Amino acid sequence: MPQISYFLGVIIRMFYRDHNPPHFHAVYAQYEALIDIEKNELFSGYLPPRVLGIVTEWTALHQKELLENWERARKQEALLNIEPLV
């Protein structure tokens, strides 16, 4: 599963040919959550509230790039890195 971004201890990954809805995996310490890109909300797993807030802020800033990467992953093309939240 390629890592597409990393910030503040959060690893953002996306699987190739993953199931719908378009989403990514956010990993922080022992926690992992699946974030729906279009709705910008957690739909599976858990992140501490502060971390979830940071991830949803980052998602809002990079929604278009995330959806482009989702399409690339579905076609098994190389995924592009996305700028971290600084």
N, C-alpha and C. Protein backbone atom coordinates (compact mmCIF):
# COMPACT_ATOMS: atom_id res chain seq x y z
N MET A 1 0.85 -1.17 0.00
CA MET A 1 0.00 0.00 0.00
C MET A 1 0.90 1.23 0.00
N PRO A 2 0.90 1.99 -1.08
CA PRO A 2 1.77 3.16 -1.19
C PRO A 2 1.43 4.27 -0.21
N GLN A 3 2.45 4.86 0.35
CA GLN A 3 2.30 6.03 1.21
C GLN A 3 2.29 7.25 0.31
N ILE A 4 1.27 8.10 0.45
CA ILE A 4 1.18 9.28 -0.40
C ILE A 4 1.44 10.58 0.35
N SER A 5 1.42 10.52 1.70
CA SER A 5 1.75 11.70 2.48
C SER A 5 2.08 11.28 3.91
N TYR A 6 2.77 12.18 4.62
CA TYR A 6 3.11 11.95 6.03
C TYR A 6 3.22 13.31 6.71
N PHE A 7 2.51 13.48 7.81
CA PHE A 7 2.58 14.73 8.56
C PHE A 7 2.15 14.50 9.99
N LEU A 8 2.85 15.15 10.91
CA LEU A 8 2.51 15.15 12.33
C LEU A 8 2.26 13.74 12.88
N GLY A 9 3.02 12.77 12.40
CA GLY A 9 2.88 11.40 12.86
C GLY A 9 1.80 10.60 12.17
N VAL A 10 1.14 11.18 11.18
CA VAL A 10 0.06 10.51 10.46
C VAL A 10 0.58 10.05 9.10
N ILE A 11 0.38 8.78 8.81
CA ILE A 11 0.75 8.21 7.51
C ILE A 11 -0.52 8.09 6.68
N ILE A 12 -0.49 8.61 5.47
CA ILE A 12 -1.63 8.53 4.55
C ILE A 12 -1.26 7.54 3.46
N ARG A 13 -2.10 6.51 3.30
CA ARG A 13 -1.85 5.46 2.31
C ARG A 13 -3.10 5.21 1.49
N MET A 14 -2.87 4.64 0.30
CA MET A 14 -3.97 4.28 -0.58
C MET A 14 -3.65 2.95 -1.24
N PHE A 15 -4.62 2.05 -1.24
CA PHE A 15 -4.47 0.74 -1.87
C PHE A 15 -4.75 0.84 -3.37
N TYR A 16 -4.12 -0.03 -4.14
CA TYR A 16 -4.48 -0.19 -5.54
C TYR A 16 -5.74 -1.03 -5.63
N ARG A 17 -6.63 -0.64 -6.55
CA ARG A 17 -7.88 -1.36 -6.80
C ARG A 17 -8.67 -1.65 -5.53
N ASP A 18 -8.77 -0.68 -4.66
CA ASP A 18 -9.51 -0.83 -3.40
C ASP A 18 -11.01 -0.68 -3.67
N HIS A 19 -11.81 -1.05 -2.69
CA HIS A 19 -13.27 -0.99 -2.79
C HIS A 19 -13.77 0.45 -2.68
N ASN A 20 -14.98 0.68 -3.17
CA ASN A 20 -15.63 1.98 -3.03
C ASN A 20 -16.17 2.12 -1.62
N PRO A 21 -16.44 3.31 -1.14
CA PRO A 21 -16.28 4.60 -1.78
C PRO A 21 -14.82 5.01 -1.87
N PRO A 22 -14.50 6.00 -2.71
CA PRO A 22 -13.14 6.50 -2.78
C PRO A 22 -12.66 6.92 -1.38
N HIS A 23 -11.55 6.35 -0.96
CA HIS A 23 -11.07 6.61 0.39
C HIS A 23 -9.57 6.41 0.49
N PHE A 24 -9.03 6.78 1.64
CA PHE A 24 -7.63 6.51 1.94
C PHE A 24 -7.55 6.00 3.38
N HIS A 25 -6.41 5.45 3.71
CA HIS A 25 -6.14 4.94 5.05
C HIS A 25 -5.25 5.94 5.77
N ALA A 26 -5.65 6.34 6.96
CA ALA A 26 -4.84 7.22 7.80
C ALA A 26 -4.39 6.39 9.00
N VAL A 27 -3.08 6.33 9.22
CA VAL A 27 -2.51 5.54 10.31
C VAL A 27 -1.80 6.49 11.27
N TYR A 28 -2.12 6.36 12.53
CA TYR A 28 -1.49 7.17 13.58
C TYR A 28 -1.27 6.26 14.78
N ALA A 29 0.01 6.05 15.12
CA ALA A 29 0.38 5.15 16.22
C ALA A 29 -0.30 3.80 15.99
N GLN A 30 -1.09 3.31 16.95
CA GLN A 30 -1.74 2.01 16.79
C GLN A 30 -3.13 2.12 16.16
N TYR A 31 -3.52 3.31 15.76
CA TYR A 31 -4.85 3.54 15.20
C TYR A 31 -4.82 3.58 13.68
N GLU A 32 -5.92 3.12 13.07
CA GLU A 32 -6.08 3.23 11.62
C GLU A 32 -7.53 3.54 11.31
N ALA A 33 -7.73 4.43 10.36
CA ALA A 33 -9.07 4.81 9.95
C ALA A 33 -9.15 4.91 8.44
N LEU A 34 -10.32 4.65 7.90
CA LEU A 34 -10.60 4.86 6.49
C LEU A 34 -11.41 6.14 6.37
N ILE A 35 -10.94 7.04 5.51
CA ILE A 35 -11.57 8.35 5.35
C ILE A 35 -12.18 8.43 3.95
N ASP A 36 -13.47 8.68 3.90
CA ASP A 36 -14.19 8.88 2.64
C ASP A 36 -13.73 10.22 2.07
N ILE A 37 -13.17 10.20 0.87
CA ILE A 37 -12.61 11.42 0.28
C ILE A 37 -13.71 12.42 -0.08
N GLU A 38 -14.78 11.96 -0.70
CA GLU A 38 -15.82 12.87 -1.16
C GLU A 38 -16.60 13.50 -0.01
N LYS A 39 -16.89 12.72 1.03
CA LYS A 39 -17.64 13.23 2.18
C LYS A 39 -16.73 13.83 3.25
N ASN A 40 -15.42 13.55 3.14
CA ASN A 40 -14.42 14.00 4.11
C ASN A 40 -14.84 13.61 5.52
N GLU A 41 -15.12 12.30 5.68
CA GLU A 41 -15.47 11.80 7.00
C GLU A 41 -14.98 10.39 7.20
N LEU A 42 -14.77 10.03 8.45
CA LEU A 42 -14.34 8.69 8.81
C LEU A 42 -15.51 7.73 8.58
N PHE A 43 -15.24 6.60 7.91
CA PHE A 43 -16.31 5.62 7.77
C PHE A 43 -15.94 4.26 8.32
N SER A 44 -14.71 4.10 8.78
CA SER A 44 -14.31 2.85 9.40
C SER A 44 -13.06 3.09 10.23
N GLY A 45 -12.94 2.40 11.35
CA GLY A 45 -11.77 2.51 12.19
C GLY A 45 -11.89 3.64 13.19
N TYR A 46 -10.73 4.09 13.69
CA TYR A 46 -10.72 5.10 14.73
C TYR A 46 -9.43 5.91 14.67
N LEU A 47 -9.54 7.20 14.91
CA LEU A 47 -8.42 8.10 15.17
C LEU A 47 -8.79 8.96 16.37
N PRO A 48 -7.83 9.29 17.22
CA PRO A 48 -8.14 10.22 18.31
C PRO A 48 -8.74 11.51 17.73
N PRO A 49 -9.69 12.13 18.44
CA PRO A 49 -10.38 13.31 17.90
C PRO A 49 -9.47 14.41 17.35
N ARG A 50 -8.40 14.73 18.06
CA ARG A 50 -7.48 15.78 17.59
C ARG A 50 -6.85 15.38 16.26
N VAL A 51 -6.45 14.13 16.13
CA VAL A 51 -5.82 13.64 14.90
C VAL A 51 -6.84 13.60 13.77
N LEU A 52 -8.06 13.16 14.06
CA LEU A 52 -9.11 13.15 13.04
C LEU A 52 -9.35 14.56 12.52
N GLY A 53 -9.34 15.55 13.38
CA GLY A 53 -9.51 16.94 12.95
C GLY A 53 -8.40 17.38 12.01
N ILE A 54 -7.18 17.00 12.31
CA ILE A 54 -6.04 17.34 11.46
C ILE A 54 -6.19 16.66 10.10
N VAL A 55 -6.59 15.39 10.11
CA VAL A 55 -6.73 14.65 8.86
C VAL A 55 -7.86 15.22 8.01
N THR A 56 -8.98 15.59 8.61
CA THR A 56 -10.08 16.16 7.82
C THR A 56 -9.71 17.54 7.28
N GLU A 57 -8.93 18.30 8.03
CA GLU A 57 -8.44 19.59 7.52
C GLU A 57 -7.57 19.37 6.28
N TRP A 58 -6.64 18.41 6.37
CA TRP A 58 -5.74 18.09 5.26
C TRP A 58 -6.55 17.59 4.06
N THR A 59 -7.55 16.75 4.32
CA THR A 59 -8.38 16.21 3.23
C THR A 59 -9.09 17.33 2.49
N ALA A 60 -9.64 18.28 3.21
CA ALA A 60 -10.33 19.41 2.57
C ALA A 60 -9.39 20.18 1.66
N LEU A 61 -8.15 20.33 2.06
CA LEU A 61 -7.17 21.06 1.25
C LEU A 61 -6.73 20.30 0.01
N HIS A 62 -6.81 18.97 0.05
CA HIS A 62 -6.24 18.14 -1.02
C HIS A 62 -7.26 17.17 -1.64
N GLN A 63 -8.53 17.49 -1.54
CA GLN A 63 -9.57 16.59 -2.02
C GLN A 63 -9.40 16.26 -3.52
N LYS A 64 -9.13 17.25 -4.32
CA LYS A 64 -8.98 17.02 -5.77
C LYS A 64 -7.81 16.07 -6.04
N GLU A 65 -6.68 16.31 -5.39
CA GLU A 65 -5.50 15.45 -5.58
C GLU A 65 -5.77 14.03 -5.10
N LEU A 66 -6.50 13.90 -4.00
CA LEU A 66 -6.84 12.58 -3.48
C LEU A 66 -7.72 11.81 -4.46
N LEU A 67 -8.71 12.49 -5.04
CA LEU A 67 -9.57 11.83 -6.02
C LEU A 67 -8.80 11.45 -7.28
N GLU A 68 -7.86 12.29 -7.68
CA GLU A 68 -7.01 11.94 -8.83
C GLU A 68 -6.16 10.71 -8.51
N ASN A 69 -5.60 10.65 -7.32
CA ASN A 69 -4.84 9.47 -6.92
C ASN A 69 -5.73 8.23 -6.86
N TRP A 70 -6.97 8.39 -6.40
CA TRP A 70 -7.91 7.26 -6.35
C TRP A 70 -8.08 6.68 -7.76
N GLU A 71 -8.29 7.54 -8.74
CA GLU A 71 -8.44 7.08 -10.13
C GLU A 71 -7.16 6.42 -10.63
N ARG A 72 -6.03 6.97 -10.30
CA ARG A 72 -4.74 6.38 -10.69
C ARG A 72 -4.60 4.98 -10.06
N ALA A 73 -4.97 4.85 -8.81
CA ALA A 73 -4.87 3.56 -8.12
C ALA A 73 -5.79 2.53 -8.77
N ARG A 74 -6.97 2.95 -9.16
CA ARG A 74 -7.92 2.03 -9.81
C ARG A 74 -7.36 1.51 -11.13
N LYS A 75 -6.54 2.34 -11.79
CA LYS A 75 -5.91 1.95 -13.07
C LYS A 75 -4.54 1.33 -12.87
N GLN A 76 -4.14 1.16 -11.61
CA GLN A 76 -2.83 0.63 -11.23
C GLN A 76 -1.68 1.48 -11.79
N GLU A 77 -1.88 2.78 -11.78
CA GLU A 77 -0.82 3.72 -12.16
C GLU A 77 -0.11 4.20 -10.90
N ALA A 78 1.08 4.71 -11.07
CA ALA A 78 1.85 5.22 -9.93
C ALA A 78 1.09 6.36 -9.25
N LEU A 79 1.07 6.33 -7.92
CA LEU A 79 0.39 7.38 -7.17
C LEU A 79 1.35 8.54 -6.93
N LEU A 80 0.77 9.73 -6.86
CA LEU A 80 1.56 10.94 -6.66
C LEU A 80 1.58 11.32 -5.18
N ASN A 81 2.71 11.80 -4.71
CA ASN A 81 2.79 12.30 -3.34
C ASN A 81 1.98 13.57 -3.22
N ILE A 82 1.39 13.76 -2.04
CA ILE A 82 0.60 14.94 -1.76
C ILE A 82 1.26 15.69 -0.62
N GLU A 83 1.34 17.00 -0.74
CA GLU A 83 1.99 17.84 0.26
C GLU A 83 1.42 17.56 1.65
N PRO A 84 2.28 17.53 2.65
CA PRO A 84 1.80 17.32 4.02
C PRO A 84 1.15 18.59 4.58
N LEU A 85 0.46 18.42 5.67
CA LEU A 85 -0.07 19.56 6.41
C LEU A 85 1.07 20.06 7.30
N VAL A 86 1.39 21.34 7.16
CA VAL A 86 2.52 21.86 7.92
C VAL A 86 2.03 22.82 8.98
